[in-house]
Full PDB file with SEQRES, HELIX, SHEET, SSBOND, CRYST1, ORIGX, SCALE, CONECT and MASTER records, all heavy atoms in Angstrom:
SEQRES   1 A   31  PHE TYR ALA GLN SER ARG PRO GLY ARG TRP GLU THR ILE          
SEQRES   2 A   31  GLU GLY ILE ASP THR LEU ARG PHE MET ASP TYR GLY LYS          
SEQRES   3 A   31  GLU LEU ARG LEU VAL                                          
HELIX    1 AA1 ARG A    9  GLU A   14  1                                   6    
HELIX    2 AA2 LEU A   19  ASP A   23  1                                   5    
CRYST1    1.000    1.000    1.000  90.00  90.00  90.00 P 1           1          
ORIGX1      1.000000  0.000000  0.000000        0.00000                         
ORIGX2      0.000000  1.000000  0.000000        0.00000                         
ORIGX3      0.000000  0.000000  1.000000        0.00000                         
SCALE1      1.000000  0.000000  0.000000        0.00000                         
SCALE2      0.000000  1.000000  0.000000        0.00000                         
SCALE3      0.000000  0.000000  1.000000        0.00000                         
ATOM      1  N   PHE A   1       4.730  -9.633  -2.269  1.00  0.00           N  
ATOM      2  CA  PHE A   1       4.806  -8.654  -1.182  1.00  0.00           C  
ATOM      3  C   PHE A   1       3.417  -8.355  -0.626  1.00  0.00           C  
ATOM      4  O   PHE A   1       3.207  -8.327   0.593  1.00  0.00           O  
ATOM      5  CB  PHE A   1       5.460  -7.354  -1.670  1.00  0.00           C  
ATOM      6  CG  PHE A   1       5.063  -6.161  -0.848  1.00  0.00           C  
ATOM      7  CD1 PHE A   1       5.611  -5.972   0.415  1.00  0.00           C  
ATOM      8  CD2 PHE A   1       4.108  -5.268  -1.315  1.00  0.00           C  
ATOM      9  CE1 PHE A   1       5.218  -4.891   1.195  1.00  0.00           C  
ATOM     10  CE2 PHE A   1       3.708  -4.191  -0.544  1.00  0.00           C  
ATOM     11  CZ  PHE A   1       4.268  -4.002   0.716  1.00  0.00           C  
ATOM     12  N   TYR A   2       2.472  -8.118  -1.517  1.00  0.00           N  
ATOM     13  CA  TYR A   2       1.122  -7.762  -1.074  1.00  0.00           C  
ATOM     14  C   TYR A   2       0.511  -8.872  -0.220  1.00  0.00           C  
ATOM     15  O   TYR A   2      -0.064  -8.617   0.841  1.00  0.00           O  
ATOM     16  CB  TYR A   2       0.228  -7.480  -2.286  1.00  0.00           C  
ATOM     17  CG  TYR A   2      -1.142  -6.984  -1.906  1.00  0.00           C  
ATOM     18  CD1 TYR A   2      -1.389  -5.621  -1.781  1.00  0.00           C  
ATOM     19  CD2 TYR A   2      -2.190  -7.870  -1.653  1.00  0.00           C  
ATOM     20  CE1 TYR A   2      -2.643  -5.152  -1.412  1.00  0.00           C  
ATOM     21  CE2 TYR A   2      -3.432  -7.408  -1.278  1.00  0.00           C  
ATOM     22  CZ  TYR A   2      -3.654  -6.057  -1.168  1.00  0.00           C  
ATOM     23  OH  TYR A   2      -4.899  -5.599  -0.786  1.00  0.00           O  
ATOM     24  N   ALA A   3       0.643 -10.092  -0.689  1.00  0.00           N  
ATOM     25  CA  ALA A   3       0.042 -11.223   0.015  1.00  0.00           C  
ATOM     26  C   ALA A   3       0.684 -11.479   1.367  1.00  0.00           C  
ATOM     27  O   ALA A   3       0.035 -11.992   2.292  1.00  0.00           O  
ATOM     28  CB  ALA A   3       0.119 -12.477  -0.854  1.00  0.00           C  
ATOM     29  N   GLN A   4       1.961 -11.127   1.502  1.00  0.00           N  
ATOM     30  CA  GLN A   4       2.699 -11.438   2.731  1.00  0.00           C  
ATOM     31  C   GLN A   4       2.790 -10.258   3.696  1.00  0.00           C  
ATOM     32  O   GLN A   4       3.392 -10.379   4.774  1.00  0.00           O  
ATOM     33  CB  GLN A   4       4.104 -11.917   2.355  1.00  0.00           C  
ATOM     34  CG  GLN A   4       4.096 -13.219   1.563  1.00  0.00           C  
ATOM     35  CD  GLN A   4       5.396 -13.484   0.821  1.00  0.00           C  
ATOM     36  OE1 GLN A   4       6.388 -12.778   1.012  1.00  0.00           O  
ATOM     37  NE2 GLN A   4       5.393 -14.494  -0.043  1.00  0.00           N  
ATOM     38  N   SER A   5       2.183  -9.128   3.339  1.00  0.00           N  
ATOM     39  CA  SER A   5       2.261  -7.935   4.181  1.00  0.00           C  
ATOM     40  C   SER A   5       0.908  -7.617   4.802  1.00  0.00           C  
ATOM     41  O   SER A   5      -0.125  -8.181   4.414  1.00  0.00           O  
ATOM     42  CB  SER A   5       2.752  -6.737   3.358  1.00  0.00           C  
ATOM     43  OG  SER A   5       1.841  -6.457   2.309  1.00  0.00           O  
ATOM     44  N   ARG A   6       0.936  -6.708   5.733  1.00  0.00           N  
ATOM     45  CA  ARG A   6      -0.293  -6.243   6.377  1.00  0.00           C  
ATOM     46  C   ARG A   6      -0.592  -4.813   5.937  1.00  0.00           C  
ATOM     47  O   ARG A   6       0.324  -4.082   5.545  1.00  0.00           O  
ATOM     48  CB  ARG A   6      -0.140  -6.291   7.897  1.00  0.00           C  
ATOM     49  CG  ARG A   6      -0.014  -7.703   8.469  1.00  0.00           C  
ATOM     50  CD  ARG A   6       0.024  -7.654   9.979  1.00  0.00           C  
ATOM     51  NE  ARG A   6       0.072  -8.992  10.563  1.00  0.00           N  
ATOM     52  CZ  ARG A   6       0.072  -9.231  11.864  1.00  0.00           C  
ATOM     53  NH1 ARG A   6       0.036  -8.214  12.727  1.00  0.00           N  
ATOM     54  NH2 ARG A   6       0.112 -10.469  12.311  1.00  0.00           N  
ATOM     55  N   PRO A   7      -1.853  -4.405   6.009  1.00  0.00           N  
ATOM     56  CA  PRO A   7      -2.167  -3.010   5.675  1.00  0.00           C  
ATOM     57  C   PRO A   7      -1.326  -2.041   6.486  1.00  0.00           C  
ATOM     58  O   PRO A   7      -1.121  -2.228   7.689  1.00  0.00           O  
ATOM     59  CB  PRO A   7      -3.655  -2.892   6.036  1.00  0.00           C  
ATOM     60  CG  PRO A   7      -4.185  -4.280   5.886  1.00  0.00           C  
ATOM     61  CD  PRO A   7      -3.064  -5.176   6.340  1.00  0.00           C  
ATOM     62  N   GLY A   8      -0.807  -1.013   5.805  1.00  0.00           N  
ATOM     63  CA  GLY A   8      -0.006  -0.004   6.470  1.00  0.00           C  
ATOM     64  C   GLY A   8      -0.862   1.127   7.015  1.00  0.00           C  
ATOM     65  O   GLY A   8      -2.094   1.074   7.002  1.00  0.00           O  
ATOM     66  N   ARG A   9      -0.184   2.169   7.466  1.00  0.00           N  
ATOM     67  CA  ARG A   9      -0.863   3.281   8.130  1.00  0.00           C  
ATOM     68  C   ARG A   9      -1.901   3.959   7.256  1.00  0.00           C  
ATOM     69  O   ARG A   9      -3.053   4.148   7.637  1.00  0.00           O  
ATOM     70  CB  ARG A   9       0.190   4.295   8.590  1.00  0.00           C  
ATOM     71  CG  ARG A   9      -0.385   5.510   9.300  1.00  0.00           C  
ATOM     72  CD  ARG A   9       0.714   6.504   9.609  1.00  0.00           C  
ATOM     73  NE  ARG A   9       0.185   7.685  10.290  1.00  0.00           N  
ATOM     74  CZ  ARG A   9       0.880   8.795  10.514  1.00  0.00           C  
ATOM     75  NH1 ARG A   9       2.141   8.861  10.100  1.00  0.00           N  
ATOM     76  NH2 ARG A   9       0.333   9.831  11.132  1.00  0.00           N  
ATOM     77  N   TRP A  10      -1.476   4.369   6.047  1.00  0.00           N  
ATOM     78  CA  TRP A  10      -2.391   5.134   5.199  1.00  0.00           C  
ATOM     79  C   TRP A  10      -3.508   4.263   4.640  1.00  0.00           C  
ATOM     80  O   TRP A  10      -4.651   4.722   4.502  1.00  0.00           O  
ATOM     81  CB  TRP A  10      -1.607   5.804   4.075  1.00  0.00           C  
ATOM     82  CG  TRP A  10      -0.518   6.700   4.554  1.00  0.00           C  
ATOM     83  CD1 TRP A  10       0.815   6.611   4.269  1.00  0.00           C  
ATOM     84  CD2 TRP A  10      -0.644   7.820   5.449  1.00  0.00           C  
ATOM     85  NE1 TRP A  10       1.514   7.595   4.917  1.00  0.00           N  
ATOM     86  CE2 TRP A  10       0.648   8.360   5.650  1.00  0.00           C  
ATOM     87  CE3 TRP A  10      -1.735   8.416   6.096  1.00  0.00           C  
ATOM     88  CZ2 TRP A  10       0.885   9.459   6.464  1.00  0.00           C  
ATOM     89  CZ3 TRP A  10      -1.496   9.513   6.922  1.00  0.00           C  
ATOM     90  CH2 TRP A  10      -0.213  10.015   7.096  1.00  0.00           C  
ATOM     91  N   GLU A  11      -3.186   3.017   4.301  1.00  0.00           N  
ATOM     92  CA  GLU A  11      -4.229   2.102   3.814  1.00  0.00           C  
ATOM     93  C   GLU A  11      -5.313   1.918   4.874  1.00  0.00           C  
ATOM     94  O   GLU A  11      -6.512   1.913   4.567  1.00  0.00           O  
ATOM     95  CB  GLU A  11      -3.618   0.747   3.468  1.00  0.00           C  
ATOM     96  CG  GLU A  11      -4.646  -0.280   2.998  1.00  0.00           C  
ATOM     97  CD  GLU A  11      -4.056  -1.655   2.743  1.00  0.00           C  
ATOM     98  OE1 GLU A  11      -2.816  -1.802   2.826  1.00  0.00           O  
ATOM     99  OE2 GLU A  11      -4.837  -2.578   2.460  1.00  0.00           O  
ATOM    100  N   THR A  12      -4.919   1.799   6.116  1.00  0.00           N  
ATOM    101  CA  THR A  12      -5.869   1.609   7.203  1.00  0.00           C  
ATOM    102  C   THR A  12      -6.772   2.830   7.385  1.00  0.00           C  
ATOM    103  O   THR A  12      -7.975   2.706   7.638  1.00  0.00           O  
ATOM    104  CB  THR A  12      -5.117   1.335   8.521  1.00  0.00           C  
ATOM    105  OG1 THR A  12      -4.300   0.176   8.353  1.00  0.00           O  
ATOM    106  CG2 THR A  12      -6.084   1.089   9.657  1.00  0.00           C  
ATOM    107  N   ILE A  13      -6.214   4.009   7.197  1.00  0.00           N  
ATOM    108  CA  ILE A  13      -6.987   5.243   7.372  1.00  0.00           C  
ATOM    109  C   ILE A  13      -7.926   5.491   6.199  1.00  0.00           C  
ATOM    110  O   ILE A  13      -9.120   5.768   6.377  1.00  0.00           O  
ATOM    111  CB  ILE A  13      -6.041   6.443   7.559  1.00  0.00           C  
ATOM    112  CG1 ILE A  13      -5.267   6.298   8.880  1.00  0.00           C  
ATOM    113  CG2 ILE A  13      -6.815   7.762   7.548  1.00  0.00           C  
ATOM    114  CD1 ILE A  13      -4.158   7.313   9.047  1.00  0.00           C  
ATOM    115  N   GLU A  14      -7.391   5.394   4.975  1.00  0.00           N  
ATOM    116  CA  GLU A  14      -8.172   5.751   3.782  1.00  0.00           C  
ATOM    117  C   GLU A  14      -9.044   4.610   3.262  1.00  0.00           C  
ATOM    118  O   GLU A  14     -10.000   4.846   2.533  1.00  0.00           O  
ATOM    119  CB  GLU A  14      -7.223   6.210   2.664  1.00  0.00           C  
ATOM    120  CG  GLU A  14      -6.484   7.513   2.950  1.00  0.00           C  
ATOM    121  CD  GLU A  14      -7.126   8.708   2.259  1.00  0.00           C  
ATOM    122  OE1 GLU A  14      -8.297   8.614   1.848  1.00  0.00           O  
ATOM    123  OE2 GLU A  14      -6.441   9.741   2.131  1.00  0.00           O  
ATOM    124  N   GLY A  15      -8.682   3.370   3.609  1.00  0.00           N  
ATOM    125  CA  GLY A  15      -9.430   2.244   3.067  1.00  0.00           C  
ATOM    126  C   GLY A  15      -9.155   2.025   1.592  1.00  0.00           C  
ATOM    127  O   GLY A  15     -10.039   1.607   0.835  1.00  0.00           O  
ATOM    128  N   ILE A  16      -7.923   2.297   1.159  1.00  0.00           N  
ATOM    129  CA  ILE A  16      -7.503   2.119  -0.233  1.00  0.00           C  
ATOM    130  C   ILE A  16      -6.364   1.121  -0.234  1.00  0.00           C  
ATOM    131  O   ILE A  16      -5.242   1.445   0.198  1.00  0.00           O  
ATOM    132  CB  ILE A  16      -7.040   3.454  -0.862  1.00  0.00           C  
ATOM    133  CG1 ILE A  16      -8.151   4.505  -0.780  1.00  0.00           C  
ATOM    134  CG2 ILE A  16      -6.606   3.250  -2.311  1.00  0.00           C  
ATOM    135  CD1 ILE A  16      -7.686   5.908  -1.146  1.00  0.00           C  
ATOM    136  N   ASP A  17      -6.599  -0.097  -0.696  1.00  0.00           N  
ATOM    137  CA  ASP A  17      -5.562  -1.125  -0.551  1.00  0.00           C  
ATOM    138  C   ASP A  17      -4.329  -0.842  -1.397  1.00  0.00           C  
ATOM    139  O   ASP A  17      -3.224  -1.289  -1.060  1.00  0.00           O  
ATOM    140  CB  ASP A  17      -6.125  -2.519  -0.840  1.00  0.00           C  
ATOM    141  CG  ASP A  17      -6.501  -2.716  -2.289  1.00  0.00           C  
ATOM    142  OD1 ASP A  17      -7.206  -1.854  -2.848  1.00  0.00           O  
ATOM    143  OD2 ASP A  17      -6.101  -3.739  -2.869  1.00  0.00           O  
ATOM    144  N   THR A  18      -4.457  -0.067  -2.478  1.00  0.00           N  
ATOM    145  CA  THR A  18      -3.295   0.274  -3.297  1.00  0.00           C  
ATOM    146  C   THR A  18      -2.283   1.110  -2.521  1.00  0.00           C  
ATOM    147  O   THR A  18      -1.089   1.115  -2.851  1.00  0.00           O  
ATOM    148  CB  THR A  18      -3.747   1.041  -4.559  1.00  0.00           C  
ATOM    149  OG1 THR A  18      -4.866   0.375  -5.146  1.00  0.00           O  
ATOM    150  CG2 THR A  18      -2.634   1.105  -5.593  1.00  0.00           C  
ATOM    151  N   LEU A  19      -2.739   1.787  -1.477  1.00  0.00           N  
ATOM    152  CA  LEU A  19      -1.831   2.588  -0.661  1.00  0.00           C  
ATOM    153  C   LEU A  19      -0.773   1.738   0.031  1.00  0.00           C  
ATOM    154  O   LEU A  19       0.239   2.273   0.492  1.00  0.00           O  
ATOM    155  CB  LEU A  19      -2.619   3.374   0.392  1.00  0.00           C  
ATOM    156  CG  LEU A  19      -3.190   4.723  -0.051  1.00  0.00           C  
ATOM    157  CD1 LEU A  19      -4.106   5.281   1.022  1.00  0.00           C  
ATOM    158  CD2 LEU A  19      -2.077   5.711  -0.377  1.00  0.00           C  
ATOM    159  N   ARG A  20      -0.977   0.448   0.117  1.00  0.00           N  
ATOM    160  CA  ARG A  20       0.006  -0.411   0.759  1.00  0.00           C  
ATOM    161  C   ARG A  20       1.378  -0.277   0.092  1.00  0.00           C  
ATOM    162  O   ARG A  20       2.416  -0.319   0.754  1.00  0.00           O  
ATOM    163  CB  ARG A  20      -0.436  -1.867   0.746  1.00  0.00           C  
ATOM    164  CG  ARG A  20       0.469  -2.765   1.585  1.00  0.00           C  
ATOM    165  CD  ARG A  20      -0.064  -4.165   1.713  1.00  0.00           C  
ATOM    166  NE  ARG A  20      -1.459  -4.201   2.105  1.00  0.00           N  
ATOM    167  CZ  ARG A  20      -2.131  -5.313   2.375  1.00  0.00           C  
ATOM    168  NH1 ARG A  20      -1.514  -6.489   2.290  1.00  0.00           N  
ATOM    169  NH2 ARG A  20      -3.404  -5.282   2.706  1.00  0.00           N  
ATOM    170  N   PHE A  21       1.375  -0.132  -1.220  1.00  0.00           N  
ATOM    171  CA  PHE A  21       2.651  -0.015  -1.927  1.00  0.00           C  
ATOM    172  C   PHE A  21       3.378   1.271  -1.545  1.00  0.00           C  
ATOM    173  O   PHE A  21       4.601   1.298  -1.439  1.00  0.00           O  
ATOM    174  CB  PHE A  21       2.419  -0.099  -3.433  1.00  0.00           C  
ATOM    175  CG  PHE A  21       1.666  -1.326  -3.846  1.00  0.00           C  
ATOM    176  CD1 PHE A  21       0.468  -1.236  -4.539  1.00  0.00           C  
ATOM    177  CD2 PHE A  21       2.144  -2.585  -3.517  1.00  0.00           C  
ATOM    178  CE1 PHE A  21      -0.234  -2.372  -4.908  1.00  0.00           C  
ATOM    179  CE2 PHE A  21       1.452  -3.732  -3.874  1.00  0.00           C  
ATOM    180  CZ  PHE A  21       0.259  -3.623  -4.577  1.00  0.00           C  
ATOM    181  N   MET A  22       2.648   2.357  -1.349  1.00  0.00           N  
ATOM    182  CA  MET A  22       3.254   3.609  -0.917  1.00  0.00           C  
ATOM    183  C   MET A  22       3.640   3.558   0.549  1.00  0.00           C  
ATOM    184  O   MET A  22       4.668   4.103   0.965  1.00  0.00           O  
ATOM    185  CB  MET A  22       2.297   4.771  -1.199  1.00  0.00           C  
ATOM    186  CG  MET A  22       2.256   5.190  -2.672  1.00  0.00           C  
ATOM    187  SD  MET A  22       0.604   5.587  -3.284  1.00  0.00           S  
ATOM    188  CE  MET A  22       0.066   3.961  -3.839  1.00  0.00           C  
ATOM    189  N   ASP A  23       2.812   2.892   1.359  1.00  0.00           N  
ATOM    190  CA  ASP A  23       3.128   2.744   2.779  1.00  0.00           C  
ATOM    191  C   ASP A  23       4.490   2.090   2.986  1.00  0.00           C  
ATOM    192  O   ASP A  23       5.227   2.435   3.915  1.00  0.00           O  
ATOM    193  CB  ASP A  23       2.057   1.892   3.471  1.00  0.00           C  
ATOM    194  CG  ASP A  23       0.907   2.724   4.031  1.00  0.00           C  
ATOM    195  OD1 ASP A  23       1.175   3.815   4.558  1.00  0.00           O  
ATOM    196  OD2 ASP A  23      -0.245   2.283   3.943  1.00  0.00           O  
ATOM    197  N   TYR A  24       4.822   1.135   2.103  1.00  0.00           N  
ATOM    198  CA  TYR A  24       6.065   0.377   2.270  1.00  0.00           C  
ATOM    199  C   TYR A  24       7.144   0.763   1.254  1.00  0.00           C  
ATOM    200  O   TYR A  24       8.158   0.077   1.128  1.00  0.00           O  
ATOM    201  CB  TYR A  24       5.773  -1.120   2.167  1.00  0.00           C  
ATOM    202  CG  TYR A  24       5.002  -1.669   3.348  1.00  0.00           C  
ATOM    203  CD1 TYR A  24       3.612  -1.718   3.327  1.00  0.00           C  
ATOM    204  CD2 TYR A  24       5.656  -2.133   4.486  1.00  0.00           C  
ATOM    205  CE1 TYR A  24       2.877  -2.218   4.406  1.00  0.00           C  
ATOM    206  CE2 TYR A  24       4.945  -2.639   5.566  1.00  0.00           C  
ATOM    207  CZ  TYR A  24       3.551  -2.675   5.520  1.00  0.00           C  
ATOM    208  OH  TYR A  24       2.844  -3.171   6.594  1.00  0.00           O  
ATOM    209  N   GLY A  25       6.916   1.836   0.502  1.00  0.00           N  
ATOM    210  CA  GLY A  25       7.947   2.336  -0.406  1.00  0.00           C  
ATOM    211  C   GLY A  25       8.171   1.494  -1.642  1.00  0.00           C  
ATOM    212  O   GLY A  25       9.283   1.485  -2.190  1.00  0.00           O  
ATOM    213  N   LYS A  26       7.144   0.796  -2.118  1.00  0.00           N  
ATOM    214  CA  LYS A  26       7.274  -0.020  -3.326  1.00  0.00           C  
ATOM    215  C   LYS A  26       7.010   0.834  -4.575  1.00  0.00           C  
ATOM    216  O   LYS A  26       6.339   1.868  -4.511  1.00  0.00           O  
ATOM    217  CB  LYS A  26       6.311  -1.206  -3.281  1.00  0.00           C  
ATOM    218  CG  LYS A  26       6.479  -2.091  -2.043  1.00  0.00           C  
ATOM    219  CD  LYS A  26       7.905  -2.589  -1.879  1.00  0.00           C  
ATOM    220  CE  LYS A  26       8.058  -3.415  -0.616  1.00  0.00           C  
ATOM    221  NZ  LYS A  26       9.463  -3.870  -0.396  1.00  0.00           N  
ATOM    222  N   GLU A  27       7.536   0.385  -5.691  1.00  0.00           N  
ATOM    223  CA  GLU A  27       7.462   1.171  -6.928  1.00  0.00           C  
ATOM    224  C   GLU A  27       6.166   0.898  -7.690  1.00  0.00           C  
ATOM    225  O   GLU A  27       6.000  -0.152  -8.306  1.00  0.00           O  
ATOM    226  CB  GLU A  27       8.658   0.865  -7.830  1.00  0.00           C  
ATOM    227  CG  GLU A  27       8.692   1.721  -9.088  1.00  0.00           C  
ATOM    228  CD  GLU A  27       9.904   1.451  -9.965  1.00  0.00           C  
ATOM    229  OE1 GLU A  27      10.720   0.575  -9.601  1.00  0.00           O  
ATOM    230  OE2 GLU A  27      10.023   2.103 -11.015  1.00  0.00           O  
ATOM    231  N   LEU A  28       5.273   1.885  -7.657  1.00  0.00           N  
ATOM    232  CA  LEU A  28       4.044   1.832  -8.434  1.00  0.00           C  
ATOM    233  C   LEU A  28       4.067   3.000  -9.417  1.00  0.00           C  
ATOM    234  O   LEU A  28       3.991   4.164  -9.020  1.00  0.00           O  
ATOM    235  CB  LEU A  28       2.818   1.931  -7.530  1.00  0.00           C  
ATOM    236  CG  LEU A  28       1.462   1.792  -8.225  1.00  0.00           C  
ATOM    237  CD1 LEU A  28       1.273   0.378  -8.770  1.00  0.00           C  
ATOM    238  CD2 LEU A  28       0.314   2.155  -7.283  1.00  0.00           C  
ATOM    239  N   ARG A  29       4.211   2.683 -10.692  1.00  0.00           N  
ATOM    240  CA  ARG A  29       4.291   3.713 -11.731  1.00  0.00           C  
ATOM    241  C   ARG A  29       2.890   4.037 -12.244  1.00  0.00           C  
ATOM    242  O   ARG A  29       2.133   3.136 -12.650  1.00  0.00           O  
ATOM    243  CB  ARG A  29       5.140   3.214 -12.890  1.00  0.00           C  
ATOM    244  CG  ARG A  29       6.594   3.001 -12.531  1.00  0.00           C  
ATOM    245  CD  ARG A  29       7.404   4.266 -12.657  1.00  0.00           C  
ATOM    246  NE  ARG A  29       8.795   4.058 -12.258  1.00  0.00           N  
ATOM    247  CZ  ARG A  29       9.772   4.907 -12.521  1.00  0.00           C  
ATOM    248  NH1 ARG A  29       9.515   6.005 -13.200  1.00  0.00           N  
ATOM    249  NH2 ARG A  29      10.995   4.661 -12.117  1.00  0.00           N  
ATOM    250  N   LEU A  30       2.536   5.306 -12.229  1.00  0.00           N  
ATOM    251  CA  LEU A  30       1.248   5.730 -12.744  1.00  0.00           C  
ATOM    252  C   LEU A  30       1.370   6.060 -14.228  1.00  0.00           C  
ATOM    253  O   LEU A  30       2.386   6.567 -14.687  1.00  0.00           O  
ATOM    254  CB  LEU A  30       0.734   6.936 -11.969  1.00  0.00           C  
ATOM    255  CG  LEU A  30       0.586   6.741 -10.454  1.00  0.00           C  
ATOM    256  CD1 LEU A  30      -0.096   7.952  -9.823  1.00  0.00           C  
ATOM    257  CD2 LEU A  30      -0.175   5.467 -10.125  1.00  0.00           C  
ATOM    258  N   VAL A  31       0.335   5.735 -14.967  1.00  0.00           N  
ATOM    259  CA  VAL A  31       0.300   5.984 -16.413  1.00  0.00           C  
ATOM    260  C   VAL A  31      -0.955   6.783 -16.710  1.00  0.00           C  
ATOM    261  O   VAL A  31      -2.070   6.349 -16.395  1.00  0.00           O  
ATOM    262  CB  VAL A  31       0.280   4.664 -17.213  1.00  0.00           C  
ATOM    263  CG1 VAL A  31       0.273   4.954 -18.716  1.00  0.00           C  
ATOM    264  CG2 VAL A  31       1.453   3.773 -16.826  1.00  0.00           C  
TER     265      VAL A  31                                                      
MASTER        0    0    0    2    0    0    0    6  264    1    0    3          
END                                                                             
């Protein structure tokens, strides 16, 4: 998914590439 997608809204603003998963509603579990 990451390789085939483009930076989303929040990733573009904050400059945090991990935000892409939240931009597109993907499941990232924090530990």
